[in-house]
Amino acid sequence: MSKLEKLLAANKIWAAQMKESDAQFFERLCELQTPKFLWIGCSDSRITPDASTGLLPGELFVHRNIANLVVHTDMNCLSVMQFAVEVLRVEHIIVCGHYGCGGVKAALENTRLGLIDNWLRHIQDVGRDYRLELEATETSEARLDKLCEINVIEQVLNAGQSTVMQDAWLRGQTVSIHGWIYHIADGIFQDLQVTLDSLEDLNDLGLKMNERQKGK
């Protein structure tokens, strides 16, 4: 049996188990998609956002890319956000990074990988903005962890600065953006205590991060 055939066989087993535990599960799944959460995370294969948060298929709308970036010229990410906010009416957007992220590490060390270098340039820009804080970090491992955290917060800001979120808040829609980070070593998500519920929150966080860049 080939590797692909094993995947298909495992899928049949999973589907049978789901029907055994809940005979109407797939029928309900076909009827309507009503997730309350949008997940913007890293493409790292070791992270399974729905399973590791105890959610079932249909409960989490997902967008993933290298190093969990929210870039204002990325129509893929912005389209996912607009569909999630305006059509699915999600209530929470979780931007989740992870410690030891290969993309962040490559950006920090200026490793040349090819085409992806252009994508990771966004993280290098973040690293330059927070150069003072990163240089004050004692070890290379701690510096990487720090940049992984800062990158999440910056992407929360980027998400909040998007027209999708600005319009949602202006029309009074209740939707929040949260910054999380994942420990692959123990499988635990950590809330970075960064949440945006409004344009006021966005402005406050922007001012706070500007001060942080200056080392204050």
Protein backbone atom coordinates (compact mmCIF):
# COMPACT_ATOMS: atom_id res chain seq x y z
CA MET A 1 0.00 0.00 0.00
CA SER A 2 1.42 3.38 -1.02
CA LYS A 3 1.62 6.36 1.32
CA LEU A 4 -1.32 8.02 -0.45
CA GLU A 5 -3.38 4.84 -0.27
CA LYS A 6 -2.71 4.74 3.49
CA LEU A 7 -4.11 8.26 3.80
CA LEU A 8 -7.27 7.29 1.93
CA ALA A 9 -7.68 4.15 4.05
CA ALA A 10 -7.21 6.16 7.25
CA ASN A 11 -9.79 8.65 6.02
CA LYS A 12 -12.38 5.90 5.60
CA ILE A 13 -11.71 4.68 9.11
CA TRP A 14 -12.05 8.21 10.49
CA ALA A 15 -15.31 8.82 8.61
CA ALA A 16 -16.75 5.55 9.88
CA GLN A 17 -15.78 6.40 13.45
CA MET A 18 -17.38 9.83 13.18
CA LYS A 19 -20.64 8.34 11.87
CA GLU A 20 -20.60 5.72 14.59
CA SER A 21 -20.29 8.36 17.31
CA ASP A 22 -22.77 10.75 15.65
CA ALA A 23 -24.91 9.37 12.82
CA GLN A 24 -25.98 12.84 11.64
CA PHE A 25 -22.56 14.49 11.83
CA PHE A 26 -21.82 14.74 8.10
CA GLU A 27 -25.42 15.67 7.25
CA ARG A 28 -25.20 18.64 9.61
CA LEU A 29 -21.79 19.53 8.24
CA CYS A 30 -23.21 19.75 4.71
CA GLU A 31 -26.02 22.06 5.70
CA LEU A 32 -24.19 25.14 6.96
CA GLN A 33 -20.75 26.45 7.85
CA THR A 34 -21.01 28.55 11.02
CA PRO A 35 -17.59 28.82 12.66
CA LYS A 36 -17.08 31.40 15.39
CA PHE A 37 -13.32 31.53 14.90
CA LEU A 38 -10.91 32.48 12.13
CA TRP A 39 -7.41 31.07 12.57
CA ILE A 40 -4.46 32.80 10.91
CA GLY A 41 -1.46 30.63 11.59
CA CYS A 42 1.81 29.24 10.34
CA SER A 43 1.86 26.46 7.76
CA ASP A 44 4.12 24.34 9.99
CA SER A 45 2.98 20.72 9.69
CA ARG A 46 3.39 20.10 13.42
CA ILE A 47 0.49 22.39 14.29
CA THR A 48 -3.10 21.13 14.05
CA PRO A 49 -5.23 24.10 15.15
CA ASP A 50 -8.67 22.47 15.18
CA ALA A 51 -7.70 19.17 16.80
CA SER A 52 -5.37 20.76 19.36
CA THR A 53 -8.03 23.23 20.49
CA GLY A 54 -10.74 20.59 20.75
CA LEU A 55 -12.74 21.85 17.79
CA LEU A 56 -14.55 19.76 15.21
CA PRO A 57 -14.68 20.24 11.42
CA GLY A 58 -16.83 23.28 10.69
CA GLU A 59 -15.95 25.10 13.91
CA LEU A 60 -12.73 26.81 12.77
CA PHE A 61 -12.14 28.76 9.54
CA VAL A 62 -8.44 28.58 8.70
CA HIS A 63 -5.83 30.54 6.78
CA ARG A 64 -2.19 29.48 6.99
CA ASN A 65 1.04 30.75 5.49
CA ILE A 66 4.76 30.77 6.23
CA ALA A 67 5.33 32.56 9.57
CA ASN A 68 1.65 33.54 10.06
CA LEU A 69 1.87 36.90 8.30
CA VAL A 70 -0.97 39.34 7.60
CA VAL A 71 0.33 41.40 4.67
CA HIS A 72 -1.80 44.20 3.27
CA THR A 73 -0.98 43.23 -0.33
CA ASP A 74 -1.84 39.55 0.22
CA MET A 75 -5.24 39.22 -1.42
CA ASN A 76 -5.48 35.58 -0.35
CA CYS A 77 -5.30 36.41 3.36
CA LEU A 78 -7.48 39.51 3.03
CA SER A 79 -10.12 37.58 1.07
CA VAL A 80 -10.22 34.91 3.77
CA MET A 81 -10.61 37.61 6.41
CA GLN A 82 -13.40 39.36 4.51
CA PHE A 83 -15.32 36.13 3.94
CA ALA A 84 -14.89 35.13 7.58
CA VAL A 85 -15.95 38.52 8.96
CA GLU A 86 -18.64 39.62 6.51
CA VAL A 87 -20.17 36.31 5.40
CA LEU A 88 -19.47 33.80 8.17
CA ARG A 89 -19.68 36.50 10.86
CA VAL A 90 -16.91 35.04 12.99
CA GLU A 91 -16.55 36.57 16.43
CA HIS A 92 -12.86 35.95 17.00
CA ILE A 93 -9.74 36.07 14.83
CA ILE A 94 -6.76 34.28 16.33
CA VAL A 95 -3.34 35.13 14.92
CA CYS A 96 -1.10 32.32 16.13
CA GLY A 97 2.64 31.92 15.76
CA HIS A 98 4.94 29.38 17.34
CA TYR A 99 8.30 29.33 19.05
CA GLY A 100 11.20 28.12 16.93
CA CYS A 101 9.43 29.16 13.72
CA GLY A 102 11.66 28.31 10.75
CA GLY A 103 10.48 31.32 8.78
CA VAL A 104 11.24 33.72 11.60
CA LYS A 105 14.61 32.04 12.16
CA ALA A 106 15.54 32.38 8.49
CA ALA A 107 14.59 36.05 8.55
CA LEU A 108 16.51 36.69 11.76
CA GLU A 109 19.66 34.98 10.46
CA ASN A 110 19.27 36.36 6.93
CA THR A 111 19.37 32.84 5.49
CA ARG A 112 18.94 32.72 1.72
CA LEU A 113 16.25 30.21 0.77
CA GLY A 114 15.11 31.50 -2.62
CA LEU A 115 11.72 32.93 -3.53
CA ILE A 116 10.53 32.84 0.06
CA ASP A 117 13.18 35.43 0.98
CA ASN A 118 10.86 38.07 -0.47
CA TRP A 119 8.03 36.93 1.81
CA LEU A 120 10.27 36.80 4.88
CA ARG A 121 11.41 40.33 4.19
CA HIS A 122 8.31 41.42 6.12
CA ILE A 123 9.72 39.75 9.25
CA GLN A 124 13.14 41.29 8.68
CA ASP A 125 11.43 44.67 8.64
CA VAL A 126 9.83 43.81 12.00
CA GLY A 127 13.22 42.73 13.33
CA ARG A 128 14.75 46.03 12.26
CA ASP A 129 11.96 48.00 13.98
CA TYR A 130 12.63 46.17 17.26
CA ARG A 131 16.41 45.97 16.87
CA LEU A 132 17.13 47.51 20.28
CA GLU A 133 14.97 45.01 22.13
CA LEU A 134 16.34 42.05 20.18
CA GLU A 135 19.95 43.08 20.63
CA ALA A 136 19.39 43.34 24.38
CA THR A 137 18.34 39.67 24.47
CA GLU A 138 21.20 37.51 25.78
CA THR A 139 21.03 34.32 23.69
CA SER A 140 20.21 33.55 20.06
CA GLU A 141 17.46 31.17 21.17
CA ALA A 142 15.85 33.81 23.36
CA ARG A 143 16.20 36.33 20.53
CA LEU A 144 14.35 33.99 18.18
CA ASP A 145 11.59 33.42 20.74
CA LYS A 146 11.27 37.17 21.26
CA LEU A 147 10.96 37.86 17.54
CA CYS A 148 8.36 35.08 17.21
CA GLU A 149 6.27 36.86 19.88
CA ILE A 150 6.77 40.33 18.42
CA ASN A 151 5.87 39.04 14.96
CA VAL A 152 2.52 37.77 16.24
CA ILE A 153 1.73 41.15 17.81
CA GLU A 154 2.70 42.98 14.63
CA GLN A 155 0.41 40.72 12.59
CA VAL A 156 -2.44 41.43 15.03
CA LEU A 157 -1.83 45.11 14.32
CA ASN A 158 -1.76 44.45 10.58
CA ALA A 159 -5.05 42.57 10.79
CA GLY A 160 -6.60 45.42 12.75
CA GLN A 161 -5.35 47.98 10.24
CA SER A 162 -6.95 46.15 7.32
CA THR A 163 -10.02 47.66 5.67
CA VAL A 164 -11.90 44.46 6.53
CA MET A 165 -11.57 45.05 10.25
CA GLN A 166 -11.82 48.84 10.09
CA ASP A 167 -15.13 48.58 8.26
CA ALA A 168 -16.42 45.88 10.62
CA TRP A 169 -15.74 47.97 13.71
CA LEU A 170 -17.14 51.12 12.12
CA ARG A 171 -20.45 49.39 11.46
CA GLY A 172 -20.54 48.10 15.03
CA GLN A 173 -19.82 44.44 14.34
CA THR A 174 -18.55 42.50 17.34
CA VAL A 175 -15.33 40.80 16.29
CA SER A 176 -12.03 40.58 18.17
CA ILE A 177 -8.44 39.87 17.16
CA HIS A 178 -6.20 37.90 19.52
CA GLY A 179 -2.48 37.09 19.53
CA TRP A 180 -1.44 33.57 20.54
CA ILE A 181 1.77 31.57 20.35
CA TYR A 182 2.29 27.81 20.38
CA HIS A 183 4.90 25.67 22.16
CA ILE A 184 5.57 22.71 19.89
CA ALA A 185 7.62 21.11 22.67
CA ASP A 186 4.57 20.67 24.94
CA GLY A 187 1.58 21.30 22.65
CA ILE A 188 0.33 24.28 24.67
CA PHE A 189 -1.03 27.55 23.28
CA GLN A 190 -0.17 30.75 25.14
CA ASP A 191 -2.30 33.88 25.05
CA LEU A 192 0.05 36.85 24.53
CA GLN A 193 -2.60 39.09 26.15
CA VAL A 194 -2.98 41.13 22.99
CA THR A 195 -6.63 41.62 22.02
CA LEU A 196 -8.24 44.20 19.76
CA ASP A 197 -11.98 44.81 20.08
CA SER A 198 -12.20 48.25 18.51
CA LEU A 199 -10.44 51.04 16.65
CA GLU A 200 -9.53 52.52 20.05
CA ASP A 201 -7.78 49.29 21.04
CA LEU A 202 -5.95 49.32 17.71
CA ASN A 203 -4.72 52.86 18.28
CA ASP A 204 -3.63 52.09 21.84
CA LEU A 205 -1.66 49.00 20.79
CA GLY A 206 -0.04 50.91 17.92
CA LEU A 207 1.18 53.60 20.32
CA LYS A 208 2.43 50.98 22.78
CA MET A 209 4.42 49.15 20.12
CA ASN A 210 5.87 52.43 18.79
CA GLU A 211 7.21 53.13 22.28
CA ARG A 212 8.54 49.59 22.50
CA GLN A 213 10.46 50.09 19.25
CA LYS A 214 12.20 53.08 20.83
CA GLY A 215 13.25 50.96 23.79
CA LYS A 216 11.00 52.74 26.28
